[in-house]
Amino acid sequence: MTRLLLAHVLFSAVTSALMSALVCGVATFRMVGASGAFMHVWSGSWIFAWPAAFIVLASIGPLVRKTVYRGCKCPVAVPVAAQRSTPSQAQN
């Protein structure tokens, strides 16, 4: 696994875990309130939500990122290691 692929997988895992935990927490709190059942209901919801969020983020994340960069007219971020190995710089 290349470093860029590993970075994408780790980013997707961490981001999907945090976002699904937050969204499930808000929805669970709205549904059951601050009761003793909160943790049980929240953890059960999160166990199902995290894999779904990870798959979506890992699969369409790069497409969404490129689309947003194009829409904002921002340059696409290129890791430093990839910049060093570009053919134009290697010829100089």
PDB file of N, CA and C in Angstrom:
ATOM      1  N   MET A   1       0.847  -1.175   0.000  1.00  0.00           N
ATOM      2  CA  MET A   1       0.000   0.000   0.000  1.00  0.00           C
ATOM      3  C   MET A   1       0.891   1.236   0.000  1.00  0.00           C
ATOM      4  N   THR A   2       0.605   2.132  -0.922  1.00  0.00           N
ATOM      5  CA  THR A   2       1.411   3.352  -0.993  1.00  0.00           C
ATOM      6  C   THR A   2       1.050   4.280   0.163  1.00  0.00           C
ATOM      7  N   ARG A   3       1.929   5.233   0.388  1.00  0.00           N
ATOM      8  CA  ARG A   3       1.689   6.179   1.485  1.00  0.00           C
ATOM      9  C   ARG A   3       0.449   7.036   1.222  1.00  0.00           C
ATOM     10  N   LEU A   4       0.217   7.409  -0.032  1.00  0.00           N
ATOM     11  CA  LEU A   4      -0.961   8.219  -0.351  1.00  0.00           C
ATOM     12  C   LEU A   4      -2.252   7.432  -0.126  1.00  0.00           C
ATOM     13  N   LEU A   5      -2.250   6.165  -0.506  1.00  0.00           N
ATOM     14  CA  LEU A   5      -3.427   5.331  -0.284  1.00  0.00           C
ATOM     15  C   LEU A   5      -3.650   5.115   1.207  1.00  0.00           C
ATOM     16  N   LEU A   6      -2.578   4.858   1.941  1.00  0.00           N
ATOM     17  CA  LEU A   6      -2.690   4.691   3.388  1.00  0.00           C
ATOM     18  C   LEU A   6      -3.221   5.962   4.044  1.00  0.00           C
ATOM     19  N   ALA A   7      -2.737   7.113   3.609  1.00  0.00           N
ATOM     20  CA  ALA A   7      -3.211   8.382   4.158  1.00  0.00           C
ATOM     21  C   ALA A   7      -4.696   8.576   3.858  1.00  0.00           C
ATOM     22  N   HIS A   8      -5.129   8.215   2.658  1.00  0.00           N
ATOM     23  CA  HIS A   8      -6.544   8.347   2.308  1.00  0.00           C
ATOM     24  C   HIS A   8      -7.409   7.418   3.151  1.00  0.00           C
ATOM     25  N   VAL A   9      -6.964   6.183   3.344  1.00  0.00           N
ATOM     26  CA  VAL A   9      -7.729   5.220   4.148  1.00  0.00           C
ATOM     27  C   VAL A   9      -7.810   5.684   5.602  1.00  0.00           C
ATOM     28  N   LEU A  10      -6.699   6.134   6.158  1.00  0.00           N
ATOM     29  CA  LEU A  10      -6.705   6.622   7.542  1.00  0.00           C
ATOM     30  C   LEU A  10      -7.561   7.873   7.702  1.00  0.00           C
ATOM     31  N   PHE A  11      -7.453   8.800   6.759  1.00  0.00           N
ATOM     32  CA  PHE A  11      -8.280   9.997   6.801  1.00  0.00           C
ATOM     33  C   PHE A  11      -9.757   9.621   6.743  1.00  0.00           C
ATOM     34  N   SER A  12     -10.106   8.703   5.849  1.00  0.00           N
ATOM     35  CA  SER A  12     -11.500   8.269   5.721  1.00  0.00           C
ATOM     36  C   SER A  12     -11.988   7.593   6.992  1.00  0.00           C
ATOM     37  N   ALA A  13     -11.142   6.769   7.611  1.00  0.00           N
ATOM     38  CA  ALA A  13     -11.533   6.062   8.832  1.00  0.00           C
ATOM     39  C   ALA A  13     -11.774   7.030   9.989  1.00  0.00           C
ATOM     40  N   VAL A  14     -10.857   7.943  10.183  1.00  0.00           N
ATOM     41  CA  VAL A  14     -10.974   8.884  11.305  1.00  0.00           C
ATOM     42  C   VAL A  14     -12.141   9.853  11.081  1.00  0.00           C
ATOM     43  N   THR A  15     -12.231  10.408   9.892  1.00  0.00           N
ATOM     44  CA  THR A  15     -13.298  11.365   9.606  1.00  0.00           C
ATOM     45  C   THR A  15     -14.671  10.714   9.695  1.00  0.00           C
ATOM     46  N   SER A  16     -14.813   9.516   9.119  1.00  0.00           N
ATOM     47  CA  SER A  16     -16.111   8.844   9.162  1.00  0.00           C
ATOM     48  C   SER A  16     -16.471   8.436  10.585  1.00  0.00           C
ATOM     49  N   ALA A  17     -15.487   8.046  11.390  1.00  0.00           N
ATOM     50  CA  ALA A  17     -15.760   7.682  12.781  1.00  0.00           C
ATOM     51  C   ALA A  17     -16.257   8.888  13.569  1.00  0.00           C
ATOM     52  N   LEU A  18     -15.582  10.024  13.420  1.00  0.00           N
ATOM     53  CA  LEU A  18     -15.972  11.222  14.154  1.00  0.00           C
ATOM     54  C   LEU A  18     -17.332  11.760  13.698  1.00  0.00           C
ATOM     55  N   MET A  19     -17.533  11.851  12.404  1.00  0.00           N
ATOM     56  CA  MET A  19     -18.785  12.408  11.902  1.00  0.00           C
ATOM     57  C   MET A  19     -19.975  11.503  12.200  1.00  0.00           C
ATOM     58  N   SER A  20     -19.809  10.191  12.023  1.00  0.00           N
ATOM     59  CA  SER A  20     -20.928   9.291  12.308  1.00  0.00           C
ATOM     60  C   SER A  20     -21.229   9.263  13.805  1.00  0.00           C
ATOM     61  N   ALA A  21     -20.193   9.343  14.645  1.00  0.00           N
ATOM     62  CA  ALA A  21     -20.417   9.389  16.090  1.00  0.00           C
ATOM     63  C   ALA A  21     -21.182  10.651  16.479  1.00  0.00           C
ATOM     64  N   LEU A  22     -20.800  11.775  15.900  1.00  0.00           N
ATOM     65  CA  LEU A  22     -21.475  13.036  16.209  1.00  0.00           C
ATOM     66  C   LEU A  22     -22.928  13.032  15.727  1.00  0.00           C
ATOM     67  N   VAL A  23     -23.149  12.628  14.493  1.00  0.00           N
ATOM     68  CA  VAL A  23     -24.504  12.634  13.944  1.00  0.00           C
ATOM     69  C   VAL A  23     -25.391  11.638  14.679  1.00  0.00           C
ATOM     70  N   CYS A  24     -24.868  10.441  14.951  1.00  0.00           N
ATOM     71  CA  CYS A  24     -25.648   9.458  15.712  1.00  0.00           C
ATOM     72  C   CYS A  24     -25.932   9.969  17.125  1.00  0.00           C
ATOM     73  N   GLY A  25     -24.973  10.654  17.718  1.00  0.00           N
ATOM     74  CA  GLY A  25     -25.173  11.203  19.056  1.00  0.00           C
ATOM     75  C   GLY A  25     -26.269  12.253  19.089  1.00  0.00           C
ATOM     76  N   VAL A  26     -26.260  13.153  18.115  1.00  0.00           N
ATOM     77  CA  VAL A  26     -27.290  14.190  18.061  1.00  0.00           C
ATOM     78  C   VAL A  26     -28.661  13.567  17.820  1.00  0.00           C
ATOM     79  N   ALA A  27     -28.743  12.644  16.852  1.00  0.00           N
ATOM     80  CA  ALA A  27     -30.027  12.011  16.552  1.00  0.00           C
ATOM     81  C   ALA A  27     -30.524  11.175  17.732  1.00  0.00           C
ATOM     82  N   THR A  28     -29.609  10.466  18.398  1.00  0.00           N
ATOM     83  CA  THR A  28     -30.000   9.650  19.547  1.00  0.00           C
ATOM     84  C   THR A  28     -30.457  10.523  20.704  1.00  0.00           C
ATOM     85  N   PHE A  29     -29.750  11.620  20.939  1.00  0.00           N
ATOM     86  CA  PHE A  29     -30.147  12.526  22.016  1.00  0.00           C
ATOM     87  C   PHE A  29     -31.530  13.111  21.739  1.00  0.00           C
ATOM     88  N   ARG A  30     -31.776  13.442  20.498  1.00  0.00           N
ATOM     89  CA  ARG A  30     -33.091  13.980  20.140  1.00  0.00           C
ATOM     90  C   ARG A  30     -34.179  12.917  20.327  1.00  0.00           C
ATOM     91  N   MET A  31     -33.835  11.650  20.103  1.00  0.00           N
ATOM     92  CA  MET A  31     -34.820  10.582  20.188  1.00  0.00           C
ATOM     93  C   MET A  31     -35.075  10.138  21.632  1.00  0.00           C
ATOM     94  N   VAL A  32     -34.012   9.899  22.419  1.00  0.00           N
ATOM     95  CA  VAL A  32     -34.200   9.342  23.767  1.00  0.00           C
ATOM     96  C   VAL A  32     -33.853  10.314  24.884  1.00  0.00           C
ATOM     97  N   GLY A  33     -33.208  11.427  24.556  1.00  0.00           N
ATOM     98  CA  GLY A  33     -32.839  12.396  25.582  1.00  0.00           C
ATOM     99  C   GLY A  33     -31.672  11.896  26.422  1.00  0.00           C
ATOM    100  N   ALA A  34     -31.451  12.534  27.550  1.00  0.00           N
ATOM    101  CA  ALA A  34     -30.336  12.190  28.431  1.00  0.00           C
ATOM    102  C   ALA A  34     -30.776  11.103  29.405  1.00  0.00           C
ATOM    103  N   SER A  35     -31.208  10.005  28.864  1.00  0.00           N
ATOM    104  CA  SER A  35     -31.670   8.905  29.712  1.00  0.00           C
ATOM    105  C   SER A  35     -30.582   7.843  29.834  1.00  0.00           C
ATOM    106  N   GLY A  36     -30.863   6.852  30.632  1.00  0.00           N
ATOM    107  CA  GLY A  36     -29.919   5.756  30.803  1.00  0.00           C
ATOM    108  C   GLY A  36     -29.749   4.920  29.541  1.00  0.00           C
ATOM    109  N   ALA A  37     -30.683   5.017  28.625  1.00  0.00           N
ATOM    110  CA  ALA A  37     -30.623   4.238  27.381  1.00  0.00           C
ATOM    111  C   ALA A  37     -29.780   4.915  26.305  1.00  0.00           C
ATOM    112  N   PHE A  38     -29.329   6.148  26.564  1.00  0.00           N
ATOM    113  CA  PHE A  38     -28.608   6.901  25.531  1.00  0.00           C
ATOM    114  C   PHE A  38     -27.407   6.137  24.987  1.00  0.00           C
ATOM    115  N   MET A  39     -26.507   5.702  25.855  1.00  0.00           N
ATOM    116  CA  MET A  39     -25.279   5.030  25.389  1.00  0.00           C
ATOM    117  C   MET A  39     -25.592   3.739  24.635  1.00  0.00           C
ATOM    118  N   HIS A  40     -26.560   2.995  25.103  1.00  0.00           N
ATOM    119  CA  HIS A  40     -26.916   1.734  24.445  1.00  0.00           C
ATOM    120  C   HIS A  40     -27.460   1.999  23.039  1.00  0.00           C
ATOM    121  N   VAL A  41     -28.375   2.943  22.932  1.00  0.00           N
ATOM    122  CA  VAL A  41     -28.975   3.252  21.629  1.00  0.00           C
ATOM    123  C   VAL A  41     -27.939   3.891  20.710  1.00  0.00           C
ATOM    124  N   TRP A  42     -27.138   4.834  21.231  1.00  0.00           N
ATOM    125  CA  TRP A  42     -26.133   5.508  20.428  1.00  0.00           C
ATOM    126  C   TRP A  42     -25.089   4.528  19.900  1.00  0.00           C
ATOM    127  N   SER A  43     -24.572   3.667  20.761  1.00  0.00           N
ATOM    128  CA  SER A  43     -23.529   2.739  20.298  1.00  0.00           C
ATOM    129  C   SER A  43     -24.072   1.762  19.274  1.00  0.00           C
ATOM    130  N   GLY A  44     -25.314   1.309  19.447  1.00  0.00           N
ATOM    131  CA  GLY A  44     -25.907   0.419  18.456  1.00  0.00           C
ATOM    132  C   GLY A  44     -26.083   1.094  17.109  1.00  0.00           C
ATOM    133  N   SER A  45     -26.473   2.354  17.118  1.00  0.00           N
ATOM    134  CA  SER A  45     -26.619   3.111  15.875  1.00  0.00           C
ATOM    135  C   SER A  45     -25.271   3.370  15.227  1.00  0.00           C
ATOM    136  N   TRP A  46     -24.283   3.730  16.048  1.00  0.00           N
ATOM    137  CA  TRP A  46     -22.973   4.076  15.515  1.00  0.00           C
ATOM    138  C   TRP A  46     -22.271   2.879  14.884  1.00  0.00           C
ATOM    139  N   ILE A  47     -22.460   1.692  15.450  1.00  0.00           N
ATOM    140  CA  ILE A  47     -21.831   0.483  14.899  1.00  0.00           C
ATOM    141  C   ILE A  47     -22.278   0.241  13.467  1.00  0.00           C
ATOM    142  N   PHE A  48     -23.514   0.575  13.142  1.00  0.00           N
ATOM    143  CA  PHE A  48     -24.006   0.415  11.779  1.00  0.00           C
ATOM    144  C   PHE A  48     -23.670   1.611  10.891  1.00  0.00           C
ATOM    145  N   ALA A  49     -23.622   2.798  11.467  1.00  0.00           N
ATOM    146  CA  ALA A  49     -23.386   4.006  10.681  1.00  0.00           C
ATOM    147  C   ALA A  49     -21.930   4.157  10.256  1.00  0.00           C
ATOM    148  N   TRP A  50     -20.987   3.761  11.103  1.00  0.00           N
ATOM    149  CA  TRP A  50     -19.579   3.994  10.781  1.00  0.00           C
ATOM    150  C   TRP A  50     -19.130   3.257   9.520  1.00  0.00           C
ATOM    151  N   PRO A  51     -19.387   1.964   9.371  1.00  0.00           N
ATOM    152  CA  PRO A  51     -18.954   1.309   8.129  1.00  0.00           C
ATOM    153  C   PRO A  51     -19.583   1.935   6.878  1.00  0.00           C
ATOM    154  N   ALA A  52     -20.838   2.313   6.963  1.00  0.00           N
ATOM    155  CA  ALA A  52     -21.490   2.945   5.814  1.00  0.00           C
ATOM    156  C   ALA A  52     -20.814   4.276   5.483  1.00  0.00           C
ATOM    157  N   ALA A  53     -20.550   5.085   6.504  1.00  0.00           N
ATOM    158  CA  ALA A  53     -19.889   6.372   6.290  1.00  0.00           C
ATOM    159  C   ALA A  53     -18.472   6.179   5.748  1.00  0.00           C
ATOM    160  N   PHE A  54     -17.756   5.180   6.246  1.00  0.00           N
ATOM    161  CA  PHE A  54     -16.395   4.912   5.772  1.00  0.00           C
ATOM    162  C   PHE A  54     -16.398   4.525   4.296  1.00  0.00           C
ATOM    163  N   ILE A  55     -17.298   3.648   3.913  1.00  0.00           N
ATOM    164  CA  ILE A  55     -17.353   3.197   2.513  1.00  0.00           C
ATOM    165  C   ILE A  55     -17.670   4.366   1.589  1.00  0.00           C
ATOM    166  N   VAL A  56     -18.623   5.191   1.982  1.00  0.00           N
ATOM    167  CA  VAL A  56     -18.982   6.339   1.152  1.00  0.00           C
ATOM    168  C   VAL A  56     -17.816   7.315   1.062  1.00  0.00           C
ATOM    169  N   LEU A  57     -17.204   7.638   2.187  1.00  0.00           N
ATOM    170  CA  LEU A  57     -16.103   8.600   2.188  1.00  0.00           C
ATOM    171  C   LEU A  57     -14.886   8.066   1.438  1.00  0.00           C
ATOM    172  N   ALA A  58     -14.561   6.810   1.630  1.00  0.00           N
ATOM    173  CA  ALA A  58     -13.400   6.238   0.956  1.00  0.00           C
ATOM    174  C   ALA A  58     -13.610   6.135  -0.552  1.00  0.00           C
ATOM    175  N   SER A  59     -14.838   5.875  -0.961  1.00  0.00           N
ATOM    176  CA  SER A  59     -15.077   5.666  -2.390  1.00  0.00           C
ATOM    177  C   SER A  59     -15.294   6.969  -3.162  1.00  0.00           C
ATOM    178  N   ILE A  60     -16.070   7.898  -2.624  1.00  0.00           N
ATOM    179  CA  ILE A  60     -16.333   9.117  -3.396  1.00  0.00           C
ATOM    180  C   ILE A  60     -15.627  10.349  -2.845  1.00  0.00           C
ATOM    181  N   GLY A  61     -14.862  10.190  -1.772  1.00  0.00           N
ATOM    182  CA  GLY A  61     -14.140  11.324  -1.200  1.00  0.00           C
ATOM    183  C   GLY A  61     -13.231  12.042  -2.181  1.00  0.00           C
ATOM    184  N   PRO A  62     -12.398  11.313  -2.930  1.00  0.00           N
ATOM    185  CA  PRO A  62     -11.512  11.996  -3.886  1.00  0.00           C
ATOM    186  C   PRO A  62     -12.279  12.762  -4.973  1.00  0.00           C
ATOM    187  N   LEU A  63     -13.388  12.203  -5.439  1.00  0.00           N
ATOM    188  CA  LEU A  63     -14.196  12.885  -6.447  1.00  0.00           C
ATOM    189  C   LEU A  63     -14.807  14.161  -5.878  1.00  0.00           C
ATOM    190  N   VAL A  64     -15.310  14.092  -4.656  1.00  0.00           N
ATOM    191  CA  VAL A  64     -15.894  15.276  -4.018  1.00  0.00           C
ATOM    192  C   VAL A  64     -14.822  16.336  -3.812  1.00  0.00           C
ATOM    193  N   ARG A  65     -13.637  15.925  -3.356  1.00  0.00           N
ATOM    194  CA  ARG A  65     -12.544  16.878  -3.142  1.00  0.00           C
ATOM    195  C   ARG A  65     -12.169  17.588  -4.439  1.00  0.00           C
ATOM    196  N   LYS A  66     -12.012  16.836  -5.538  1.00  0.00           N
ATOM    197  CA  LYS A  66     -11.658  17.444  -6.820  1.00  0.00           C
ATOM    198  C   LYS A  66     -12.751  18.391  -7.307  1.00  0.00           C
ATOM    199  N   THR A  67     -14.002  18.000  -7.128  1.00  0.00           N
ATOM    200  CA  THR A  67     -15.123  18.838  -7.553  1.00  0.00           C
ATOM    201  C   THR A  67     -15.148  20.149  -6.771  1.00  0.00           C
ATOM    202  N   VAL A  68     -14.933  20.064  -5.469  1.00  0.00           N
ATOM    203  CA  VAL A  68     -14.917  21.281  -4.640  1.00  0.00           C
ATOM    204  C   VAL A  68     -13.740  22.168  -5.024  1.00  0.00           C
ATOM    205  N   TYR A  69     -12.567  21.587  -5.242  1.00  0.00           N
ATOM    206  CA  TYR A  69     -11.408  22.393  -5.643  1.00  0.00           C
ATOM    207  C   TYR A  69     -11.666  23.094  -6.972  1.00  0.00           C
ATOM    208  N   ARG A  70     -12.276  22.368  -7.920  1.00  0.00           N
ATOM    209  CA  ARG A  70     -12.593  22.997  -9.209  1.00  0.00           C
ATOM    210  C   ARG A  70     -13.606  24.119  -9.020  1.00  0.00           C
ATOM    211  N   GLY A  71     -14.629  23.893  -8.211  1.00  0.00           N
ATOM    212  CA  GLY A  71     -15.654  24.905  -7.979  1.00  0.00           C
ATOM    213  C   GLY A  71     -15.099  26.157  -7.324  1.00  0.00           C
ATOM    214  N   CYS A  72     -14.120  25.986  -6.458  1.00  0.00           N
ATOM    215  CA  CYS A  72     -13.501  27.123  -5.769  1.00  0.00           C
ATOM    216  C   CYS A  72     -12.317  27.696  -6.534  1.00  0.00           C
ATOM    217  N   LYS A  73     -12.000  27.055  -7.657  1.00  0.00           N
ATOM    218  CA  LYS A  73     -10.833  27.440  -8.461  1.00  0.00           C
ATOM    219  C   LYS A  73      -9.548  27.406  -7.621  1.00  0.00           C
ATOM    220  N   CYS A  74      -9.448  26.374  -6.787  1.00  0.00           N
ATOM    221  CA  CYS A  74      -8.267  26.186  -5.946  1.00  0.00           C
ATOM    222  C   CYS A  74      -7.328  25.184  -6.619  1.00  0.00           C
ATOM    223  N   PRO A  75      -6.038  25.357  -6.446  1.00  0.00           N
ATOM    224  CA  PRO A  75      -5.126  24.329  -6.966  1.00  0.00           C
ATOM    225  C   PRO A  75      -5.289  23.052  -6.156  1.00  0.00           C
ATOM    226  N   VAL A  76      -5.200  21.924  -6.829  1.00  0.00           N
ATOM    227  CA  VAL A  76      -5.297  20.639  -6.140  1.00  0.00           C
ATOM    228  C   VAL A  76      -4.028  20.447  -5.331  1.00  0.00           C
ATOM    229  N   ALA A  77      -4.188  20.105  -4.068  1.00  0.00           N
ATOM    230  CA  ALA A  77      -3.035  19.910  -3.185  1.00  0.00           C
ATOM    231  C   ALA A  77      -2.250  18.688  -3.643  1.00  0.00           C
ATOM    232  N   VAL A  78      -0.949  18.832  -3.796  1.00  0.00           N
ATOM    233  CA  VAL A  78      -0.079  17.735  -4.178  1.00  0.00           C
ATOM    234  C   VAL A  78       0.908  17.517  -3.051  1.00  0.00           C
ATOM    235  N   PRO A  79       1.016  16.293  -2.528  1.00  0.00           N
ATOM    236  CA  PRO A  79       1.974  16.038  -1.449  1.00  0.00           C
ATOM    237  C   PRO A  79       3.397  16.384  -1.877  1.00  0.00           C
ATOM    238  N   VAL A  80       4.219  16.770  -0.924  1.00  0.00           N
ATOM    239  CA  VAL A  80       5.591  17.194  -1.192  1.00  0.00           C
ATOM    240  C   VAL A  80       6.382  16.102  -1.896  1.00  0.00           C
ATOM    241  N   ALA A  81       6.233  14.849  -1.500  1.00  0.00           N
ATOM    242  CA  ALA A  81       6.971  13.752  -2.124  1.00  0.00           C
ATOM    243  C   ALA A  81       6.617  13.631  -3.598  1.00  0.00           C
ATOM    244  N   ALA A  82       5.374  13.847  -3.952  1.00  0.00           N
ATOM    245  CA  ALA A  82       4.961  13.765  -5.349  1.00  0.00           C
ATOM    246  C   ALA A  82       5.508  14.944  -6.142  1.00  0.00           C
ATOM    247  N   GLN A  83       5.663  16.106  -5.512  1.00  0.00           N
ATOM    248  CA  GLN A  83       6.199  17.275  -6.202  1.00  0.00           C
ATOM    249  C   GLN A  83       7.658  17.068  -6.568  1.00  0.00           C
ATOM    250  N   ARG A  84       8.406  16.403  -5.731  1.00  0.00           N
ATOM    251  CA  ARG A  84       9.829  16.175  -5.984  1.00  0.00           C
ATOM    252  C   ARG A  84      10.060  15.259  -7.164  1.00  0.00           C
ATOM    253  N   SER A  85       9.118  14.370  -7.444  1.00  0.00           N
ATOM    254  CA  SER A  85       9.356  13.368  -8.470  1.00  0.00           C
ATOM    255  C   SER A  85       8.683  13.688  -9.784  1.00  0.00           C
ATOM    256  N   THR A  86       8.257  14.955  -9.982  1.00  0.00           N
ATOM    257  CA  THR A  86       7.634  15.309 -11.252  1.00  0.00           C
ATOM    258  C   THR A  86       8.685  15.371 -12.326  1.00  0.00           C
ATOM    259  N   PRO A  87       8.354  14.962 -13.556  1.00  0.00           N
ATOM    260  CA  PRO A  87       9.351  14.940 -14.640  1.00  0.00           C
ATOM    261  C   PRO A  87       9.937  16.311 -14.948  1.00  0.00           C
ATOM    262  N   SER A  88       9.155  17.384 -14.849  1.00  0.00           N
ATOM    263  CA  SER A  88       9.687  18.709 -15.171  1.00  0.00           C
ATOM    264  C   SER A  88      10.787  19.125 -14.198  1.00  0.00           C
ATOM    265  N   GLN A  89      10.652  18.767 -12.932  1.00  0.00           N
ATOM    266  CA  GLN A  89      11.678  19.108 -11.960  1.00  0.00           C
ATOM    267  C   GLN A  89      12.877  18.169 -12.076  1.00  0.00           C
ATOM    268  N   ALA A  90      12.660  16.958 -12.502  1.00  0.00           N
ATOM    269  CA  ALA A  90      13.760  16.000 -12.623  1.00  0.00           C
ATOM    270  C   ALA A  90      14.683  16.394 -13.750  1.00  0.00           C
ATOM    271  N   GLN A  91      14.161  17.074 -14.802  1.00  0.00           N
ATOM    272  CA  GLN A  91      14.980  17.468 -15.934  1.00  0.00           C
ATOM    273  C   GLN A  91      15.805  18.701 -15.632  1.00  0.00           C
ATOM    274  N   ASN A  92      15.410  19.518 -14.678  1.00  0.00           N
ATOM    275  CA  ASN A  92      16.124  20.770 -14.356  1.00  0.00           C
ATOM    276  C   ASN A  92      17.380  20.521 -13.630  1.00  0.00           C
TER     277      ASN A  92
END
